C-alpha atoms as a PDB file:
ATOM      1  CA  MET A   1     165.998 133.559  74.556  1.00  0.00           C
ATOM      2  CA  ALA A   2     168.593 134.882  76.449  1.00  0.00           C
ATOM      3  CA  SER A   3     171.684 136.033  75.073  1.00  0.00           C
ATOM      4  CA  VAL A   4     174.683 135.145  77.088  1.00  0.00           C
ATOM      5  CA  PHE A   5     178.174 137.036  76.916  1.00  0.00           C
ATOM      6  CA  LEU A   6     180.788 135.025  77.921  1.00  0.00           C
ATOM      7  CA  THR A   7     183.439 137.714  78.682  1.00  0.00           C
ATOM      8  CA  ILE A   8     186.857 137.473  79.814  1.00  0.00           C
ATOM      9  CA  ASP A   9     189.157 140.606  80.979  1.00  0.00           C
ATOM     10  CA  THR A  10     192.357 140.040  79.455  1.00  0.00           C
ATOM     11  CA  GLU A  11     195.128 142.300  80.769  1.00  0.00           C
ATOM     12  CA  ILE A  12     198.664 142.331  82.207  1.00  0.00           C
ATOM     13  CA  ALA A  13     198.044 142.242  85.913  1.00  0.00           C
ATOM     14  CA  TRP A  14     199.459 145.462  87.861  1.00  0.00           C
ATOM     15  CA  ARG A  15     200.733 143.424  90.869  1.00  0.00           C
ATOM     16  CA  HIS A  16     202.474 141.554  88.799  1.00  0.00           C
ATOM     17  CA  HIS A  17     204.586 144.991  87.286  1.00  0.00           C
ATOM     18  CA  VAL A  18     204.750 146.081  90.975  1.00  0.00           C
ATOM     19  CA  ALA A  19     206.416 142.809  91.919  1.00  0.00           C
ATOM     20  CA  GLY A  20     209.228 143.593  89.856  1.00  0.00           C
ATOM     21  CA  LEU A  21     208.618 141.261  87.031  1.00  0.00           C
ATOM     22  CA  GLU A  22     209.517 141.948  83.437  1.00  0.00           C
ATOM     23  CA  MET A  23     208.243 140.471  79.783  1.00  0.00           C
ATOM     24  CA  PRO A  24     207.767 137.417  78.887  1.00  0.00           C
ATOM     25  CA  THR A  25     207.400 136.523  82.964  1.00  0.00           C
ATOM     26  CA  LEU A  26     204.840 139.418  83.385  1.00  0.00           C
ATOM     27  CA  PHE A  27     203.308 138.478  80.217  1.00  0.00           C
ATOM     28  CA  GLU A  28     203.234 134.622  81.186  1.00  0.00           C
ATOM     29  CA  ARG A  29     201.634 135.347  84.826  1.00  0.00           C
ATOM     30  CA  SER A  30     198.922 137.803  83.332  1.00  0.00           C
ATOM     31  CA  ILE A  31     197.852 135.728  80.237  1.00  0.00           C
ATOM     32  CA  GLU A  32     198.761 132.434  80.479  1.00  0.00           C
ATOM     33  CA  PRO A  33     199.588 131.249  83.906  1.00  0.00           C
ATOM     34  CA  ALA A  34     199.824 127.749  85.199  1.00  0.00           C
ATOM     35  CA  GLY A  35     198.651 126.400  81.928  1.00  0.00           C
ATOM     36  CA  VAL A  36     194.813 127.475  82.451  1.00  0.00           C
ATOM     37  CA  GLY A  37     195.117 131.017  80.656  1.00  0.00           C
ATOM     38  CA  VAL A  38     194.087 132.305  77.539  1.00  0.00           C
ATOM     39  CA  THR A  39     194.909 129.232  75.301  1.00  0.00           C
ATOM     40  CA  TYR A  40     193.385 126.651  77.793  1.00  0.00           C
ATOM     41  CA  GLN A  41     190.020 128.855  77.921  1.00  0.00           C
ATOM     42  CA  LEU A  42     190.228 129.184  74.047  1.00  0.00           C
ATOM     43  CA  GLY A  43     190.556 124.934  73.671  1.00  0.00           C
ATOM     44  CA  MET A  44     187.761 124.955  76.287  1.00  0.00           C
ATOM     45  CA  LEU A  45     185.498 127.034  74.319  1.00  0.00           C
ATOM     46  CA  ASN A  46     186.140 125.097  71.237  1.00  0.00           C
ATOM     47  CA  ARG A  47     185.776 122.192  72.866  1.00  0.00           C
ATOM     48  CA  TYR A  48     182.135 123.056  73.841  1.00  0.00           C
ATOM     49  CA  GLY A  49     181.265 125.167  70.733  1.00  0.00           C
ATOM     50  CA  LEU A  50     180.981 128.567  72.671  1.00  0.00           C
ATOM     51  CA  LYS A  51     181.462 132.213  72.049  1.00  0.00           C
ATOM     52  CA  ALA A  52     183.192 134.415  74.335  1.00  0.00           C
ATOM     53  CA  CYS A  53     184.337 138.000  74.449  1.00  0.00           C
ATOM     54  CA  PHE A  54     188.080 138.910  75.591  1.00  0.00           C
ATOM     55  CA  PHE A  55     187.664 142.558  76.445  1.00  0.00           C
ATOM     56  CA  VAL A  56     191.904 143.211  75.773  1.00  0.00           C
ATOM     57  CA  ASP A  57     193.340 145.952  77.691  1.00  0.00           C
ATOM     58  CA  PRO A  58     196.270 147.456  75.313  1.00  0.00           C
ATOM     59  CA  MET A  59     197.620 150.062  77.573  1.00  0.00           C
ATOM     60  CA  PRO A  60     200.529 148.043  78.740  1.00  0.00           C
ATOM     61  CA  ALA A  61     202.116 148.281  75.403  1.00  0.00           C
ATOM     62  CA  LEU A  62     202.994 151.761  76.044  1.00  0.00           C
ATOM     63  CA  LEU A  63     205.809 150.533  78.243  1.00  0.00           C
ATOM     64  CA  PHE A  64     206.565 147.005  76.526  1.00  0.00           C
ATOM     65  CA  GLY A  65     205.688 147.412  72.733  1.00  0.00           C
ATOM     66  CA  LEU A  66     203.035 146.130  70.938  1.00  0.00           C
ATOM     67  CA  GLU A  67     204.593 142.886  69.727  1.00  0.00           C
ATOM     68  CA  PRO A  68     203.014 140.646  73.007  1.00  0.00           C
ATOM     69  CA  PHE A  69     199.298 141.962  72.179  1.00  0.00           C
ATOM     70  CA  LYS A  70     199.792 141.372  68.197  1.00  0.00           C
ATOM     71  CA  ARG A  71     200.315 137.565  69.481  1.00  0.00           C
ATOM     72  CA  LEU A  72     197.138 137.570  71.896  1.00  0.00           C
ATOM     73  CA  VAL A  73     194.985 139.640  69.531  1.00  0.00           C
ATOM     74  CA  GLY A  74     196.070 137.095  66.612  1.00  0.00           C
ATOM     75  CA  MET A  75     195.513 134.085  68.918  1.00  0.00           C
ATOM     76  CA  ILE A  76     192.307 135.087  69.977  1.00  0.00           C
ATOM     77  CA  ARG A  77     190.543 135.832  66.666  1.00  0.00           C
ATOM     78  CA  ASP A  78     192.410 133.089  65.104  1.00  0.00           C
ATOM     79  CA  ALA A  79     190.564 130.796  67.415  1.00  0.00           C
ATOM     80  CA  GLY A  80     187.207 132.201  66.397  1.00  0.00           C
ATOM     81  CA  GLN A  81     186.650 134.460  69.430  1.00  0.00           C
ATOM     82  CA  GLU A  82     186.448 138.192  69.517  1.00  0.00           C
ATOM     83  CA  VAL A  83     188.423 140.976  71.005  1.00  0.00           C
ATOM     84  CA  GLN A  84     187.021 144.231  72.395  1.00  0.00           C
ATOM     85  CA  LEU A  85     188.551 147.016  74.526  1.00  0.00           C
ATOM     86  CA  HIS A  86     189.181 147.045  78.024  1.00  0.00           C
ATOM     87  CA  LEU A  87     191.454 149.584  79.605  1.00  0.00           C
ATOM     88  CA  HIS A  88     193.011 150.205  82.733  1.00  0.00           C
ATOM     89  CA  PRO A  89     194.236 154.024  82.773  1.00  0.00           C
ATOM     90  CA  ASN A  90     197.109 153.860  85.471  1.00  0.00           C
ATOM     91  CA  TRP A  91     198.979 152.434  82.593  1.00  0.00           C
ATOM     92  CA  THR A  92     199.591 155.891  81.093  1.00  0.00           C
ATOM     93  CA  GLY A  93     201.616 157.232  83.714  1.00  0.00           C
ATOM     94  CA  ALA A  94     204.131 153.836  84.302  1.00  0.00           C
ATOM     95  CA  LYS A  95     207.439 153.167  84.074  1.00  0.00           C
ATOM     96  CA  ARG A  96     209.502 149.947  82.876  1.00  0.00           C
ATOM     97  CA  GLY A  97     211.433 148.501  86.101  1.00  0.00           C
ATOM     98  CA  ASP A  98     210.135 151.127  88.525  1.00  0.00           C
ATOM     99  CA  ARG A  99     207.940 148.455  90.526  1.00  0.00           C
ATOM    100  CA  GLY A 100     204.941 150.489  89.943  1.00  0.00           C
ATOM    101  CA  ALA A 101     206.500 154.001  91.835  1.00  0.00           C
ATOM    102  CA  ALA A 102     204.669 155.709  88.910  1.00  0.00           C
ATOM    103  CA  HIS A 103     201.289 155.631  87.535  1.00  0.00           C
ATOM    104  CA  ALA A 104     198.322 157.846  86.549  1.00  0.00           C
ATOM    105  CA  ARG A 105     195.026 157.767  88.068  1.00  0.00           C
ATOM    106  CA  PHE A 106     194.069 154.353  88.584  1.00  0.00           C
ATOM    107  CA  GLU A 107     189.942 154.488  87.821  1.00  0.00           C
ATOM    108  CA  MET A 108     188.427 156.117  84.633  1.00  0.00           C
ATOM    109  CA  VAL A 109     185.808 157.252  86.859  1.00  0.00           C
ATOM    110  CA  GLU A 110     188.691 159.818  88.380  1.00  0.00           C
ATOM    111  CA  TYR A 111     188.991 161.850  85.036  1.00  0.00           C
ATOM    112  CA  ASP A 112     186.467 164.100  83.189  1.00  0.00           C
ATOM    113  CA  GLU A 113     184.544 162.972  80.050  1.00  0.00           C
ATOM    114  CA  GLY A 114     186.920 164.658  77.895  1.00  0.00           C
ATOM    115  CA  ASP A 115     190.109 163.257  79.359  1.00  0.00           C
ATOM    116  CA  GLN A 116     188.023 159.749  79.023  1.00  0.00           C
ATOM    117  CA  ALA A 117     187.377 160.319  75.438  1.00  0.00           C
ATOM    118  CA  ALA A 118     190.896 160.965  75.244  1.00  0.00           C
ATOM    119  CA  LEU A 119     191.943 157.620  76.788  1.00  0.00           C
ATOM    120  CA  ILE A 120     189.676 155.520  74.793  1.00  0.00           C
ATOM    121  CA  ALA A 121     190.745 156.809  71.641  1.00  0.00           C
ATOM    122  CA  GLY A 122     194.246 155.944  72.446  1.00  0.00           C
ATOM    123  CA  ALA A 123     193.423 152.705  73.925  1.00  0.00           C
ATOM    124  CA  ARG A 124     191.005 151.969  70.633  1.00  0.00           C
ATOM    125  CA  ASP A 125     194.124 152.663  68.261  1.00  0.00           C
ATOM    126  CA  LEU A 126     196.466 150.701  70.293  1.00  0.00           C
ATOM    127  CA  LEU A 127     194.445 147.862  69.960  1.00  0.00           C
ATOM    128  CA  MET A 128     193.838 148.095  66.501  1.00  0.00           C
ATOM    129  CA  ALA A 129     197.545 148.714  65.534  1.00  0.00           C
ATOM    130  CA  ALA A 130     197.664 145.360  67.695  1.00  0.00           C
ATOM    131  CA  GLY A 131     195.190 143.540  64.709  1.00  0.00           C
ATOM    132  CA  ALA A 132     191.903 144.031  66.127  1.00  0.00           C
ATOM    133  CA  GLU A 133     189.247 145.268  64.055  1.00  0.00           C
ATOM    134  CA  ALA A 134     187.694 148.572  65.703  1.00  0.00           C
ATOM    135  CA  PRO A 135     185.783 147.471  68.812  1.00  0.00           C
ATOM    136  CA  VAL A 136     182.160 148.093  69.317  1.00  0.00           C
ATOM    137  CA  ALA A 137     182.226 146.929  72.964  1.00  0.00           C
ATOM    138  CA  TYR A 138     184.057 148.262  76.052  1.00  0.00           C
ATOM    139  CA  ARG A 139     184.493 147.598  79.664  1.00  0.00           C
ATOM    140  CA  SER A 140     186.246 149.710  82.105  1.00  0.00           C
ATOM    141  CA  GLY A 141     188.985 148.282  84.405  1.00  0.00           C
ATOM    142  CA  SER A 142     187.636 147.665  87.783  1.00  0.00           C
ATOM    143  CA  TYR A 143     184.526 148.349  86.343  1.00  0.00           C
ATOM    144  CA  ALA A 144     185.086 151.947  87.328  1.00  0.00           C
ATOM    145  CA  ALA A 145     182.382 154.328  84.568  1.00  0.00           C
ATOM    146  CA  ASN A 146     180.026 156.611  84.930  1.00  0.00           C
ATOM    147  CA  ASP A 147     177.866 158.767  83.111  1.00  0.00           C
ATOM    148  CA  ALA A 148     180.557 160.517  81.153  1.00  0.00           C
ATOM    149  CA  THR A 149     182.670 156.868  80.512  1.00  0.00           C
ATOM    150  CA  LEU A 150     179.541 156.213  78.392  1.00  0.00           C
ATOM    151  CA  ARG A 151     179.104 159.879  76.467  1.00  0.00           C
ATOM    152  CA  ALA A 152     182.860 159.294  75.742  1.00  0.00           C
ATOM    153  CA  LEU A 153     182.436 156.208  74.337  1.00  0.00           C
ATOM    154  CA  HIS A 154     179.393 157.039  72.325  1.00  0.00           C
ATOM    155  CA  ARG A 155     182.000 160.178  70.963  1.00  0.00           C
ATOM    156  CA  ASN A 156     184.303 157.298  70.109  1.00  0.00           C
ATOM    157  CA  GLY A 157     182.015 155.124  68.049  1.00  0.00           C
ATOM    158  CA  LEU A 158     181.544 152.322  70.435  1.00  0.00           C
ATOM    159  CA  ARG A 159     177.643 150.874  70.765  1.00  0.00           C
ATOM    160  CA  TYR A 160     178.070 149.152  73.927  1.00  0.00           C
ATOM    161  CA  ASP A 161     179.580 148.911  77.497  1.00  0.00           C
ATOM    162  CA  SER A 162     179.595 146.385  79.955  1.00  0.00           C
ATOM    163  CA  SER A 163     180.924 148.118  83.200  1.00  0.00           C
ATOM    164  CA  HIS A 164     177.432 148.790  85.221  1.00  0.00           C
ATOM    165  CA  ASN A 165     177.866 146.152  88.143  1.00  0.00           C
ATOM    166  CA  GLY A 166     175.781 146.592  91.022  1.00  0.00           C
ATOM    167  CA  ALA A 167     177.622 144.853  93.404  1.00  0.00           C
ATOM    168  CA  GLU A 168     180.525 147.532  92.909  1.00  0.00           C
ATOM    169  CA  HIS A 169     178.622 150.387  93.791  1.00  0.00           C
ATOM    170  CA  PRO A 170     179.002 153.263  94.998  1.00  0.00           C
ATOM    171  CA  TRP A 171     182.633 152.915  94.155  1.00  0.00           C
ATOM    172  CA  PRO A 172     184.104 152.741  91.021  1.00  0.00           C
ATOM    173  CA  SER A 173     180.858 151.678  89.289  1.00  0.00           C
ATOM    174  CA  LEU A 174     179.042 154.855  89.003  1.00  0.00           C
ATOM    175  CA  ILE A 175     176.946 154.548  86.131  1.00  0.00           C
ATOM    176  CA  ASP A 176     173.318 156.382  86.953  1.00  0.00           C
ATOM    177  CA  LEU A 177     171.236 153.003  86.607  1.00  0.00           C
ATOM    178  CA  PRO A 178     169.635 151.046  89.233  1.00  0.00           C
ATOM    179  CA  LEU A 179     171.868 148.792  91.168  1.00  0.00           C
ATOM    180  CA  ARG A 180     169.676 145.929  90.514  1.00  0.00           C
ATOM    181  CA  GLN A 181     169.811 146.660  86.525  1.00  0.00           C
ATOM    182  CA  ILE A 182     170.946 143.474  84.698  1.00  0.00           C
ATOM    183  CA  ALA A 183     168.904 143.881  81.581  1.00  0.00           C
ATOM    184  CA  PRO A 184     170.566 145.598  78.440  1.00  0.00           C
ATOM    185  CA  VAL A 185     168.821 149.129  78.438  1.00  0.00           C
ATOM    186  CA  ALA A 186     169.489 152.258  76.090  1.00  0.00           C
ATOM    187  CA  HIS A 187     171.896 154.940  78.111  1.00  0.00           C
ATOM    188  CA  GLN A 188     174.328 158.150  77.523  1.00  0.00           C
ATOM    189  CA  GLY A 189     174.535 157.367  73.506  1.00  0.00           C
ATOM    190  CA  VAL A 190     175.152 153.579  74.093  1.00  0.00           C
ATOM    191  CA  VAL A 191     173.640 150.182  74.978  1.00  0.00           C
ATOM    192  CA  GLU A 192     174.853 149.216  78.463  1.00  0.00           C
ATOM    193  CA  VAL A 193     174.731 145.617  79.196  1.00  0.00           C
ATOM    194  CA  PRO A 194     175.426 145.145  82.592  1.00  0.00           C
ATOM    195  CA  VAL A 195     177.291 142.397  84.395  1.00  0.00           C
ATOM    196  CA  THR A 196     174.876 139.950  85.556  1.00  0.00           C
ATOM    197  CA  VAL A 197     174.547 139.884  89.502  1.00  0.00           C
ATOM    198  CA  ILE A 198     172.310 137.628  91.961  1.00  0.00           C
ATOM    199  CA  GLU A 199     171.248 138.743  95.468  1.00  0.00           C
ATOM    200  CA  ASP A 200     173.580 136.926  97.757  1.00  0.00           C
ATOM    201  CA  ARG A 201     171.921 137.549 100.796  1.00  0.00           C
ATOM    202  CA  PRO A 202     168.890 139.907 101.249  1.00  0.00           C
ATOM    203  CA  GLY A 203     170.079 143.513 100.204  1.00  0.00           C
ATOM    204  CA  SER A 204     173.537 142.257  99.119  1.00  0.00           C
ATOM    205  CA  LEU A 205     174.111 141.641  95.465  1.00  0.00           C
ATOM    206  CA  ARG A 206     177.164 139.568  94.098  1.00  0.00           C
ATOM    207  CA  ASN A 207     178.496 139.644  90.395  1.00  0.00           C
ATOM    208  CA  PHE A 208     178.518 136.763  88.331  1.00  0.00           C
ATOM    209  CA  GLN A 209     182.077 135.876  88.094  1.00  0.00           C
ATOM    210  CA  ILE A 210     183.683 132.732  88.252  1.00  0.00           C
ATOM    211  CA  CYS A 211     185.722 133.403  91.211  1.00  0.00           C
ATOM    212  CA  ALA A 212     182.730 134.787  93.066  1.00  0.00           C
ATOM    213  CA  LEU A 213     179.892 132.246  92.501  1.00  0.00           C
ATOM    214  CA  SER A 214     179.764 128.660  92.794  1.00  0.00           C
ATOM    215  CA  SER A 215     178.899 126.274  90.066  1.00  0.00           C
ATOM    216  CA  GLY A 216     175.644 125.835  92.181  1.00  0.00           C
ATOM    217  CA  GLU A 217     174.974 129.328  92.035  1.00  0.00           C
ATOM    218  CA  MET A 218     175.923 129.473  88.217  1.00  0.00           C
ATOM    219  CA  LEU A 219     173.663 126.835  87.480  1.00  0.00           C
ATOM    220  CA  ALA A 220     170.889 128.749  89.566  1.00  0.00           C
ATOM    221  CA  ALA A 221     171.478 131.858  87.896  1.00  0.00           C
ATOM    222  CA  LEU A 222     170.794 130.494  84.046  1.00  0.00           C
ATOM    223  CA  ASP A 223     168.006 128.528  85.220  1.00  0.00           C
ATOM    224  CA  HIS A 224     166.655 131.847  86.617  1.00  0.00           C
ATOM    225  CA  ALA A 225     167.327 133.530  83.705  1.00  0.00           C
ATOM    226  CA  VAL A 226     165.621 130.946  81.162  1.00  0.00           C
ATOM    227  CA  ASP A 227     162.598 130.627  83.563  1.00  0.00           C
ATOM    228  CA  HIS A 228     161.927 134.262  83.478  1.00  0.00           C
ATOM    229  CA  ASP A 229     162.490 135.141  80.357  1.00  0.00           C
ATOM    230  CA  HIS A 230     165.616 137.558  80.650  1.00  0.00           C
ATOM    231  CA  ALA A 231     166.990 139.093  77.531  1.00  0.00           C
ATOM    232  CA  ALA A 232     170.690 138.660  78.405  1.00  0.00           C
ATOM    233  CA  VAL A 233     173.171 137.171  80.950  1.00  0.00           C
ATOM    234  CA  THR A 234     176.545 138.561  81.155  1.00  0.00           C
ATOM    235  CA  ILE A 235     179.385 136.714  83.010  1.00  0.00           C
ATOM    236  CA  VAL A 236     183.107 137.565  84.120  1.00  0.00           C
ATOM    237  CA  SER A 237     186.144 135.964  84.166  1.00  0.00           C
ATOM    238  CA  HIS A 238     189.999 137.149  83.774  1.00  0.00           C
ATOM    239  CA  SER A 239     192.847 135.769  81.940  1.00  0.00           C
ATOM    240  CA  PHE A 240     194.418 135.170  85.007  1.00  0.00           C
ATOM    241  CA  GLU A 241     191.276 134.069  87.522  1.00  0.00           C
ATOM    242  CA  LEU A 242     191.636 130.419  86.795  1.00  0.00           C
ATOM    243  CA  ALA A 243     195.219 130.312  88.403  1.00  0.00           C
ATOM    244  CA  ASN A 244     196.711 131.606  91.938  1.00  0.00           C
ATOM    245  CA  ARG A 245     197.068 135.278  92.705  1.00  0.00           C
ATOM    246  CA  SER A 246     200.695 134.766  91.867  1.00  0.00           C
ATOM    247  CA  GLY A 247     200.265 133.187  88.492  1.00  0.00           C
ATOM    248  CA  THR A 248     202.395 129.816  89.582  1.00  0.00           C
ATOM    249  CA  ARG A 249     199.842 127.113  90.031  1.00  0.00           C
ATOM    250  CA  ALA A 250     196.404 126.345  88.797  1.00  0.00           C
ATOM    251  CA  ASN A 251     193.574 127.314  91.290  1.00  0.00           C
ATOM    252  CA  SER A 252     191.257 123.764  90.505  1.00  0.00           C
ATOM    253  CA  VAL A 253     187.998 125.198  92.285  1.00  0.00           C
ATOM    254  CA  HIS A 254     187.985 128.289  89.821  1.00  0.00           C
ATOM    255  CA  VAL A 255     188.865 125.565  87.087  1.00  0.00           C
ATOM    256  CA  ARG A 256     186.278 123.310  88.079  1.00  0.00           C
ATOM    257  CA  ARG A 257     183.859 126.360  87.959  1.00  0.00           C
ATOM    258  CA  PHE A 258     184.638 127.390  84.512  1.00  0.00           C
ATOM    259  CA  GLU A 259     184.867 123.666  83.128  1.00  0.00           C
ATOM    260  CA  GLY A 260     181.133 123.151  84.539  1.00  0.00           C
ATOM    261  CA  LEU A 261     180.118 126.447  83.395  1.00  0.00           C
ATOM    262  CA  CYS A 262     181.253 125.643  79.822  1.00  0.00           C
ATOM    263  CA  ALA A 263     179.256 122.386  79.976  1.00  0.00           C
ATOM    264  CA  MET A 264     176.119 124.059  81.608  1.00  0.00           C
ATOM    265  CA  LEU A 265     175.795 126.714  78.601  1.00  0.00           C
ATOM    266  CA  ALA A 266     176.799 124.316  76.288  1.00  0.00           C
ATOM    267  CA  GLN A 267     173.560 121.669  77.197  1.00  0.00           C
ATOM    268  CA  ARG A 268     171.384 125.101  77.416  1.00  0.00           C
ATOM    269  CA  THR A 269     172.895 126.559  73.918  1.00  0.00           C
ATOM    270  CA  ALA A 270     168.907 126.441  72.710  1.00  0.00           C
ATOM    271  CA  ARG A 271     167.923 128.694  75.369  1.00  0.00           C
ATOM    272  CA  LEU A 272     171.037 130.237  76.561  1.00  0.00           C
ATOM    273  CA  PRO A 273     173.119 131.022  73.158  1.00  0.00           C
ATOM    274  CA  THR A 274     176.417 132.713  73.781  1.00  0.00           C
ATOM    275  CA  THR A 275     176.960 135.729  71.372  1.00  0.00           C
ATOM    276  CA  HIS A 276     179.586 137.911  70.335  1.00  0.00           C
ATOM    277  CA  PHE A 277     178.802 141.771  71.012  1.00  0.00           C
ATOM    278  CA  ALA A 278     179.721 142.452  67.170  1.00  0.00           C
ATOM    279  CA  ASP A 279     176.984 139.837  66.374  1.00  0.00           C
ATOM    280  CA  ALA A 280     174.428 140.747  69.420  1.00  0.00           C
ATOM    281  CA  ASP A 281     170.732 141.339  68.640  1.00  0.00           C
ATOM    282  CA  LEU A 282     169.390 142.502  72.148  1.00  0.00           C
ATOM    283  CA  ARG A 283     165.885 143.040  73.656  1.00  0.00           C
ATOM    284  CA  LEU A 284     166.347 146.251  75.579  1.00  0.00           C
ATOM    285  CA  ASP A 285     164.445 147.409  78.504  1.00  0.00           C
ATOM    286  CA  SER A 286     163.389 143.988  79.790  1.00  0.00           C
ATOM    287  CA  ALA A 287     162.281 143.497  83.198  1.00  0.00           C
ATOM    288  CA  ASP A 288     164.719 141.212  84.457  1.00  0.00           C
ATOM    289  CA  GLU A 289     165.471 141.191  87.940  1.00  0.00           C
ATOM    290  CA  PRO A 290     168.566 139.094  89.928  1.00  0.00           C
ATOM    291  CA  LEU A 291     168.148 135.584  91.312  1.00  0.00           C
ATOM    292  CA  GLY A 292     167.201 135.704  94.868  1.00  0.00           C
ATOM    293  CA  PRO A 293     169.273 134.634  97.915  1.00  0.00           C
ATOM    294  CA  ASN A 294     169.591 130.786  99.054  1.00  0.00           C
ATOM    295  CA  PRO A 295     171.480 130.203 102.300  1.00  0.00           C
ATOM    296  CA  LEU A 296     172.111 126.429 101.344  1.00  0.00           C
ATOM    297  CA  ARG A 297     173.903 127.570  97.998  1.00  0.00           C
ATOM    298  CA  ALA A 298     175.727 130.757  99.580  1.00  0.00           C
ATOM    299  CA  SER A 299     177.059 128.240 102.396  1.00  0.00           C
ATOM    300  CA  TRP A 300     178.622 125.986  99.955  1.00  0.00           C
ATOM    301  CA  ARG A 301     180.345 128.735  97.964  1.00  0.00           C
ATOM    302  CA  HIS A 302     181.713 129.754 101.327  1.00  0.00           C
ATOM    303  CA  ALA A 303     183.129 126.376 102.093  1.00  0.00           C
ATOM    304  CA  GLU A 304     184.690 126.458  98.824  1.00  0.00           C
ATOM    305  CA  GLN A 305     186.104 130.094  99.064  1.00  0.00           C
ATOM    306  CA  LEU A 306     187.866 128.822 102.423  1.00  0.00           C
ATOM    307  CA  TRP A 307     189.841 126.068 100.529  1.00  0.00           C
ATOM    308  CA  SER A 308     190.530 128.469  97.212  1.00  0.00           C
ATOM    309  CA  ASN A 309     191.995 130.985  99.691  1.00  0.00           C
ATOM    310  CA  VAL A 310     193.576 128.511 102.096  1.00  0.00           C
ATOM    311  CA  ILE A 311     194.632 126.090  99.787  1.00  0.00           C
ATOM    312  CA  GLU A 312     194.175 126.683  95.980  1.00  0.00           C
ATOM    313  CA  GLU A 313     196.021 130.446  96.346  1.00  0.00           C
ATOM    314  CA  ARG A 314     199.294 129.168  97.987  1.00  0.00           C
ATOM    315  CA  ALA A 315     202.137 129.862  95.869  1.00  0.00           C
ATOM    316  CA  ALA A 316     204.037 126.856  94.014  1.00  0.00           C
END
């Protein structure tokens, strides 16, 4: 069996802060956009009997207070899903109402190990103050992590990282692992659980993300994992990914993909069980290799992406 980590990066979108939105509109457009945000995602997970990890970034609580994040964490936990730690460090220098003029450095890899450890400790404490259990897993915002990040996580008692993404190398995903590494591996004191990638075309990688792969590519990647006895499959989505970028209407292409993925996983639960990091029992050092390129699958995705970009991304 391959453990499936269905992960949802759950965060206040910086672009909405730059647009001058205030709570509760900022929260709505980022967390519950157009009726296809976290509440919808939790409902679909419940419908199909799936487990997911919500990587929650608590850093905007420095500006807006803990109350919205208490509601968010409580909702996720009440639905039987897990909350783990996500972090965009730029929020530490942000100011309310200035449309993003003030901010700290955006990527974790721009900080030294000591500063990264302090940022992680502060974010962990905020997340727990919002009602989460002590996190055991982490993903950097924008996949921005290096070996110093993993050592900083180890110093803070976290066991898993899921920031390595070969499709985002050399910037900002800088963990010193092979680009095609998709199997869990012990590295720098933690277990790295890489984002699954496929080979889009020879020599080019694309991450397994709702907005990045067609349903056909997702199905092929899942069956490839089963057929080749992979140790894990790690899938990415976002709280706002099923809506357009302005958060004002659903993106039907992405919604269909998410619903299709849930159905695929439910049909394959015996061989591809979804799991929480807190319950993970991972096989390490498996020789997993990404799915190879297929021009027909890629062409269909290109057509879907064109429709999504031209039609679905329009503001309501």
